[in-house]
């Protein structure tokens, strides 16, 4: 009997878009390209949707129109092998709304991911990806524990600083200090009591 060897094929952004053009992948498929691998994102639940909606509303009210713009669950071209679709990206304002190209690292002021069971994946894989691309700030919303993790000072190995913000905090992106939001308006569901068992549905691979 021969031993089978599993081979993984790495895709470039160009390969990835050729698959879309050939309709092997579709524009509305829940997939993203992460370091050469096409990752399928399973459907999210109602809590995830609610948090993305709240963040979108809070940031829309706070962001000056002529300075920055929000992009919700749309792709970013971070490198030749990575095109993630974060839950929210705060981008530098563009006259054409990025009609002729996808935003790249230099266009991104802040990227936000909302996590339930995806917390470890976002803390390790997504955080490292955004830091390596030079994204100045990454917010990770931990729904289950009602905490917003703020990552700043990106380096090739990851972010140098991480701090936790809870219900009572108000905060703004470091690049837009006037864009202040209240976490009391985001975390409207009480955090679980210590020792309470958490149950949730899988929302990422």
C-alpha atoms as a PDB file:
ATOM      1  CA  UNK A   1       0.000   0.000   0.000  1.00  0.00           C
ATOM      2  CA  UNK A   2       1.295   3.435  -0.919  1.00  0.00           C
ATOM      3  CA  UNK A   3       1.241   6.190   1.642  1.00  0.00           C
ATOM      4  CA  UNK A   4      -0.872   9.103   0.458  1.00  0.00           C
ATOM      5  CA  UNK A   5       0.666  12.546   0.624  1.00  0.00           C
ATOM      6  CA  UNK A   6      -1.613  15.532   1.058  1.00  0.00           C
ATOM      7  CA  UNK A   7      -0.527  18.418  -1.129  1.00  0.00           C
ATOM      8  CA  UNK A   8      -1.818  21.925  -0.655  1.00  0.00           C
ATOM      9  CA  UNK A   9      -1.941  24.326  -3.563  1.00  0.00           C
ATOM     10  CA  UNK A  10      -1.169  27.923  -2.711  1.00  0.00           C
ATOM     11  CA  UNK A  11      -3.173  30.564  -4.533  1.00  0.00           C
ATOM     12  CA  UNK A  12      -2.125  34.082  -5.391  1.00  0.00           C
ATOM     13  CA  UNK A  13      -4.614  36.946  -5.469  1.00  0.00           C
ATOM     14  CA  UNK A  14      -4.467  36.678  -9.279  1.00  0.00           C
ATOM     15  CA  UNK A  15      -5.323  32.944  -9.119  1.00  0.00           C
ATOM     16  CA  UNK A  16      -8.111  33.711  -6.659  1.00  0.00           C
ATOM     17  CA  UNK A  17      -9.744  36.246  -8.972  1.00  0.00           C
ATOM     18  CA  UNK A  18      -9.383  33.913 -11.945  1.00  0.00           C
ATOM     19  CA  UNK A  19     -11.432  31.344 -10.016  1.00  0.00           C
ATOM     20  CA  UNK A  20     -14.102  34.007  -9.523  1.00  0.00           C
ATOM     21  CA  UNK A  21     -14.017  34.984 -13.210  1.00  0.00           C
ATOM     22  CA  UNK A  22     -14.344  31.304 -14.169  1.00  0.00           C
ATOM     23  CA  UNK A  23     -17.293  31.030 -11.735  1.00  0.00           C
ATOM     24  CA  UNK A  24     -15.555  28.319  -9.744  1.00  0.00           C
ATOM     25  CA  UNK A  25     -15.997  30.773  -6.899  1.00  0.00           C
ATOM     26  CA  UNK A  26     -18.746  33.372  -6.800  1.00  0.00           C
ATOM     27  CA  UNK A  27     -18.548  36.936  -5.515  1.00  0.00           C
ATOM     28  CA  UNK A  28     -21.164  36.220  -2.855  1.00  0.00           C
ATOM     29  CA  UNK A  29     -19.427  33.061  -1.581  1.00  0.00           C
ATOM     30  CA  UNK A  30     -18.289  33.390   2.023  1.00  0.00           C
ATOM     31  CA  UNK A  31     -14.601  32.808   1.366  1.00  0.00           C
ATOM     32  CA  UNK A  32     -11.397  34.760   1.810  1.00  0.00           C
ATOM     33  CA  UNK A  33      -7.774  34.279   0.769  1.00  0.00           C
ATOM     34  CA  UNK A  34      -5.423  34.026   3.745  1.00  0.00           C
ATOM     35  CA  UNK A  35      -1.710  33.563   3.050  1.00  0.00           C
ATOM     36  CA  UNK A  36      -2.349  31.598  -0.136  1.00  0.00           C
ATOM     37  CA  UNK A  37      -5.180  29.417   1.211  1.00  0.00           C
ATOM     38  CA  UNK A  38      -8.853  29.831   0.348  1.00  0.00           C
ATOM     39  CA  UNK A  39     -10.722  29.754   3.644  1.00  0.00           C
ATOM     40  CA  UNK A  40     -14.448  29.069   3.764  1.00  0.00           C
ATOM     41  CA  UNK A  41     -16.326  31.067   6.384  1.00  0.00           C
ATOM     42  CA  UNK A  42     -19.417  29.323   7.685  1.00  0.00           C
ATOM     43  CA  UNK A  43     -22.647  31.314   8.202  1.00  0.00           C
ATOM     44  CA  UNK A  44     -22.729  33.615  11.215  1.00  0.00           C
ATOM     45  CA  UNK A  45     -25.428  33.785  13.831  1.00  0.00           C
ATOM     46  CA  UNK A  46     -27.761  36.579  14.869  1.00  0.00           C
ATOM     47  CA  UNK A  47     -25.466  37.883  17.626  1.00  0.00           C
ATOM     48  CA  UNK A  48     -22.608  38.332  15.172  1.00  0.00           C
ATOM     49  CA  UNK A  49     -24.919  40.204  12.795  1.00  0.00           C
ATOM     50  CA  UNK A  50     -26.179  42.423  15.612  1.00  0.00           C
ATOM     51  CA  UNK A  51     -22.681  43.421  16.709  1.00  0.00           C
ATOM     52  CA  UNK A  52     -21.604  44.245  13.167  1.00  0.00           C
ATOM     53  CA  UNK A  53     -24.748  46.350  12.762  1.00  0.00           C
ATOM     54  CA  UNK A  54     -24.153  48.193  16.056  1.00  0.00           C
ATOM     55  CA  UNK A  55     -20.527  48.916  15.221  1.00  0.00           C
ATOM     56  CA  UNK A  56     -21.506  50.141  11.781  1.00  0.00           C
ATOM     57  CA  UNK A  57     -24.104  52.493  13.279  1.00  0.00           C
ATOM     58  CA  UNK A  58     -21.764  53.799  15.992  1.00  0.00           C
ATOM     59  CA  UNK A  59     -18.868  54.426  13.615  1.00  0.00           C
ATOM     60  CA  UNK A  60     -21.073  55.938  10.908  1.00  0.00           C
ATOM     61  CA  UNK A  61     -22.222  58.557  13.426  1.00  0.00           C
ATOM     62  CA  UNK A  62     -18.666  59.245  14.591  1.00  0.00           C
ATOM     63  CA  UNK A  63     -16.591  59.228  11.392  1.00  0.00           C
ATOM     64  CA  UNK A  64     -16.221  62.525   9.495  1.00  0.00           C
ATOM     65  CA  UNK A  65     -17.366  62.024   5.889  1.00  0.00           C
ATOM     66  CA  UNK A  66     -14.430  63.881   4.353  1.00  0.00           C
ATOM     67  CA  UNK A  67     -11.795  62.007   6.349  1.00  0.00           C
ATOM     68  CA  UNK A  68     -12.671  58.324   6.291  1.00  0.00           C
ATOM     69  CA  UNK A  69     -15.268  55.807   5.165  1.00  0.00           C
ATOM     70  CA  UNK A  70     -16.584  52.477   6.396  1.00  0.00           C
ATOM     71  CA  UNK A  71     -16.353  49.260   4.417  1.00  0.00           C
ATOM     72  CA  UNK A  72     -18.492  46.438   5.832  1.00  0.00           C
ATOM     73  CA  UNK A  73     -17.588  42.797   5.099  1.00  0.00           C
ATOM     74  CA  UNK A  74     -15.697  43.736   1.934  1.00  0.00           C
ATOM     75  CA  UNK A  75     -12.254  42.531   0.793  1.00  0.00           C
ATOM     76  CA  UNK A  76      -8.898  44.153   1.398  1.00  0.00           C
ATOM     77  CA  UNK A  77      -5.910  43.322  -0.797  1.00  0.00           C
ATOM     78  CA  UNK A  78      -3.141  43.038   1.769  1.00  0.00           C
ATOM     79  CA  UNK A  79      -0.515  41.193  -0.257  1.00  0.00           C
ATOM     80  CA  UNK A  80      -0.023  38.969  -3.314  1.00  0.00           C
ATOM     81  CA  UNK A  81      -1.418  36.031  -1.299  1.00  0.00           C
ATOM     82  CA  UNK A  82      -3.929  37.557   1.121  1.00  0.00           C
ATOM     83  CA  UNK A  83      -7.324  39.112   0.502  1.00  0.00           C
ATOM     84  CA  UNK A  84      -9.353  38.879   3.717  1.00  0.00           C
ATOM     85  CA  UNK A  85     -12.882  40.175   4.241  1.00  0.00           C
ATOM     86  CA  UNK A  86     -12.948  41.718   7.718  1.00  0.00           C
ATOM     87  CA  UNK A  87     -16.253  42.525   9.351  1.00  0.00           C
ATOM     88  CA  UNK A  88     -15.498  46.262   9.246  1.00  0.00           C
ATOM     89  CA  UNK A  89     -12.650  48.340   7.840  1.00  0.00           C
ATOM     90  CA  UNK A  90     -12.218  52.059   8.372  1.00  0.00           C
ATOM     91  CA  UNK A  91     -10.589  53.395   5.208  1.00  0.00           C
ATOM     92  CA  UNK A  92      -9.091  56.677   4.106  1.00  0.00           C
ATOM     93  CA  UNK A  93     -11.680  58.610   2.109  1.00  0.00           C
ATOM     94  CA  UNK A  94     -11.570  57.981  -1.639  1.00  0.00           C
ATOM     95  CA  UNK A  95     -13.228  60.130  -4.283  1.00  0.00           C
ATOM     96  CA  UNK A  96     -14.342  57.073  -6.273  1.00  0.00           C
ATOM     97  CA  UNK A  97     -15.149  54.897  -3.213  1.00  0.00           C
ATOM     98  CA  UNK A  98     -12.481  52.422  -4.387  1.00  0.00           C
ATOM     99  CA  UNK A  99     -14.375  51.665  -7.582  1.00  0.00           C
ATOM    100  CA  UNK A 100     -11.241  50.946  -9.639  1.00  0.00           C
ATOM    101  CA  UNK A 101      -9.186  48.966  -7.136  1.00  0.00           C
ATOM    102  CA  UNK A 102      -9.525  47.209  -3.818  1.00  0.00           C
ATOM    103  CA  UNK A 103      -8.179  49.017  -0.751  1.00  0.00           C
ATOM    104  CA  UNK A 104      -4.636  48.068   0.242  1.00  0.00           C
ATOM    105  CA  UNK A 105      -2.724  48.317   3.527  1.00  0.00           C
ATOM    106  CA  UNK A 106      -1.914  52.018   3.121  1.00  0.00           C
ATOM    107  CA  UNK A 107      -5.648  52.797   2.780  1.00  0.00           C
ATOM    108  CA  UNK A 108      -6.670  51.128   6.050  1.00  0.00           C
ATOM    109  CA  UNK A 109      -6.905  53.083   9.305  1.00  0.00           C
ATOM    110  CA  UNK A 110      -8.579  50.384  11.388  1.00  0.00           C
ATOM    111  CA  UNK A 111      -9.811  46.841  10.869  1.00  0.00           C
ATOM    112  CA  UNK A 112     -12.408  45.144  13.090  1.00  0.00           C
ATOM    113  CA  UNK A 113     -13.361  41.486  13.489  1.00  0.00           C
ATOM    114  CA  UNK A 114     -16.341  40.270  15.524  1.00  0.00           C
ATOM    115  CA  UNK A 115     -15.797  36.855  17.126  1.00  0.00           C
ATOM    116  CA  UNK A 116     -17.738  34.144  18.895  1.00  0.00           C
ATOM    117  CA  UNK A 117     -16.065  30.741  18.475  1.00  0.00           C
ATOM    118  CA  UNK A 118     -13.565  32.323  16.068  1.00  0.00           C
ATOM    119  CA  UNK A 119     -11.786  34.135  18.908  1.00  0.00           C
ATOM    120  CA  UNK A 120      -8.576  32.062  18.910  1.00  0.00           C
ATOM    121  CA  UNK A 121      -8.357  32.146  15.093  1.00  0.00           C
ATOM    122  CA  UNK A 122      -8.760  35.911  15.022  1.00  0.00           C
ATOM    123  CA  UNK A 123      -6.294  36.435  17.893  1.00  0.00           C
ATOM    124  CA  UNK A 124      -3.616  34.332  16.223  1.00  0.00           C
ATOM    125  CA  UNK A 125      -4.108  34.211  12.448  1.00  0.00           C
ATOM    126  CA  UNK A 126      -5.993  37.411  11.656  1.00  0.00           C
ATOM    127  CA  UNK A 127      -4.020  39.522  14.130  1.00  0.00           C
ATOM    128  CA  UNK A 128      -0.696  38.370  12.672  1.00  0.00           C
ATOM    129  CA  UNK A 129      -1.962  38.910   9.124  1.00  0.00           C
ATOM    130  CA  UNK A 130      -3.056  42.501   9.770  1.00  0.00           C
ATOM    131  CA  UNK A 131       0.115  43.341  11.703  1.00  0.00           C
ATOM    132  CA  UNK A 132       2.387  41.979   8.966  1.00  0.00           C
ATOM    133  CA  UNK A 133       0.534  44.139   6.435  1.00  0.00           C
ATOM    134  CA  UNK A 134       1.187  47.218   8.578  1.00  0.00           C
ATOM    135  CA  UNK A 135      -2.449  47.903   9.500  1.00  0.00           C
ATOM    136  CA  UNK A 136      -2.014  50.471  12.303  1.00  0.00           C
ATOM    137  CA  UNK A 137      -4.825  49.191  14.518  1.00  0.00           C
ATOM    138  CA  UNK A 138      -6.946  46.061  14.903  1.00  0.00           C
ATOM    139  CA  UNK A 139     -10.038  45.749  17.097  1.00  0.00           C
ATOM    140  CA  UNK A 140     -11.308  42.304  18.030  1.00  0.00           C
ATOM    141  CA  UNK A 141     -14.789  42.183  19.536  1.00  0.00           C
ATOM    142  CA  UNK A 142     -15.172  39.193  21.869  1.00  0.00           C
ATOM    143  CA  UNK A 143     -18.945  38.746  21.998  1.00  0.00           C
ATOM    144  CA  UNK A 144     -18.939  35.967  24.581  1.00  0.00           C
ATOM    145  CA  UNK A 145     -16.968  37.860  27.226  1.00  0.00           C
ATOM    146  CA  UNK A 146     -18.094  41.375  26.270  1.00  0.00           C
ATOM    147  CA  UNK A 147     -14.551  42.628  25.700  1.00  0.00           C
ATOM    148  CA  UNK A 148     -12.976  44.617  22.889  1.00  0.00           C
ATOM    149  CA  UNK A 149      -9.301  43.798  22.348  1.00  0.00           C
ATOM    150  CA  UNK A 150      -7.303  46.708  20.900  1.00  0.00           C
ATOM    151  CA  UNK A 151      -4.078  45.864  19.035  1.00  0.00           C
ATOM    152  CA  UNK A 152      -1.617  48.606  18.052  1.00  0.00           C
ATOM    153  CA  UNK A 153       2.029  49.091  17.016  1.00  0.00           C
ATOM    154  CA  UNK A 154       2.247  46.513  14.207  1.00  0.00           C
ATOM    155  CA  UNK A 155       5.457  44.631  13.426  1.00  0.00           C
ATOM    156  CA  UNK A 156       6.132  41.758  11.026  1.00  0.00           C
ATOM    157  CA  UNK A 157       5.702  39.242  13.868  1.00  0.00           C
ATOM    158  CA  UNK A 158       2.492  40.774  15.276  1.00  0.00           C
ATOM    159  CA  UNK A 159       1.236  43.742  17.262  1.00  0.00           C
ATOM    160  CA  UNK A 160       3.416  44.976  20.115  1.00  0.00           C
ATOM    161  CA  UNK A 161       0.558  46.314  22.253  1.00  0.00           C
ATOM    162  CA  UNK A 162      -2.744  44.720  23.247  1.00  0.00           C
ATOM    163  CA  UNK A 163      -5.229  46.155  25.706  1.00  0.00           C
ATOM    164  CA  UNK A 164      -8.696  45.135  26.830  1.00  0.00           C
ATOM    165  CA  UNK A 165     -11.632  47.557  26.833  1.00  0.00           C
ATOM    166  CA  UNK A 166     -14.917  46.786  28.551  1.00  0.00           C
ATOM    167  CA  UNK A 167     -18.431  48.158  28.926  1.00  0.00           C
ATOM    168  CA  UNK A 168     -17.499  51.420  30.655  1.00  0.00           C
ATOM    169  CA  UNK A 169     -14.847  52.441  28.140  1.00  0.00           C
ATOM    170  CA  UNK A 170     -15.030  55.045  25.425  1.00  0.00           C
ATOM    171  CA  UNK A 171     -12.431  54.782  22.712  1.00  0.00           C
ATOM    172  CA  UNK A 172     -11.406  55.980  19.280  1.00  0.00           C
ATOM    173  CA  UNK A 173      -8.954  54.750  16.636  1.00  0.00           C
ATOM    174  CA  UNK A 174      -5.483  56.159  17.208  1.00  0.00           C
ATOM    175  CA  UNK A 175      -5.504  57.601  13.673  1.00  0.00           C
ATOM    176  CA  UNK A 176      -8.884  59.307  14.228  1.00  0.00           C
ATOM    177  CA  UNK A 177      -9.018  60.438  17.869  1.00  0.00           C
ATOM    178  CA  UNK A 178     -12.163  62.479  17.213  1.00  0.00           C
ATOM    179  CA  UNK A 179     -14.033  59.302  16.202  1.00  0.00           C
ATOM    180  CA  UNK A 180     -15.106  58.364  19.726  1.00  0.00           C
ATOM    181  CA  UNK A 181     -17.582  55.542  20.443  1.00  0.00           C
ATOM    182  CA  UNK A 182     -19.068  54.230  23.690  1.00  0.00           C
ATOM    183  CA  UNK A 183     -18.771  50.512  24.396  1.00  0.00           C
ATOM    184  CA  UNK A 184     -21.878  50.768  26.564  1.00  0.00           C
ATOM    185  CA  UNK A 185     -23.767  51.143  23.276  1.00  0.00           C
ATOM    186  CA  UNK A 186     -22.019  48.099  21.817  1.00  0.00           C
ATOM    187  CA  UNK A 187     -22.113  45.656  24.731  1.00  0.00           C
ATOM    188  CA  UNK A 188     -25.798  45.797  25.548  1.00  0.00           C
ATOM    189  CA  UNK A 189     -25.937  42.151  26.700  1.00  0.00           C
ATOM    190  CA  UNK A 190     -24.472  41.449  30.149  1.00  0.00           C
ATOM    191  CA  UNK A 191     -21.249  39.443  30.199  1.00  0.00           C
ATOM    192  CA  UNK A 192     -21.578  35.855  31.554  1.00  0.00           C
ATOM    193  CA  UNK A 193     -21.014  35.253  35.246  1.00  0.00           C
ATOM    194  CA  UNK A 194     -17.766  33.590  36.298  1.00  0.00           C
ATOM    195  CA  UNK A 195     -18.031  29.825  35.887  1.00  0.00           C
ATOM    196  CA  UNK A 196     -21.047  30.032  33.595  1.00  0.00           C
ATOM    197  CA  UNK A 197     -20.926  27.602  30.688  1.00  0.00           C
ATOM    198  CA  UNK A 198     -20.887  29.282  27.297  1.00  0.00           C
ATOM    199  CA  UNK A 199     -22.539  27.676  24.307  1.00  0.00           C
ATOM    200  CA  UNK A 200     -22.326  28.957  20.776  1.00  0.00           C
ATOM    201  CA  UNK A 201     -22.360  27.937  17.150  1.00  0.00           C
ATOM    202  CA  UNK A 202     -19.209  27.668  15.044  1.00  0.00           C
ATOM    203  CA  UNK A 203     -18.757  30.807  12.964  1.00  0.00           C
ATOM    204  CA  UNK A 204     -15.371  30.244  11.315  1.00  0.00           C
ATOM    205  CA  UNK A 205     -13.279  27.307  10.177  1.00  0.00           C
END
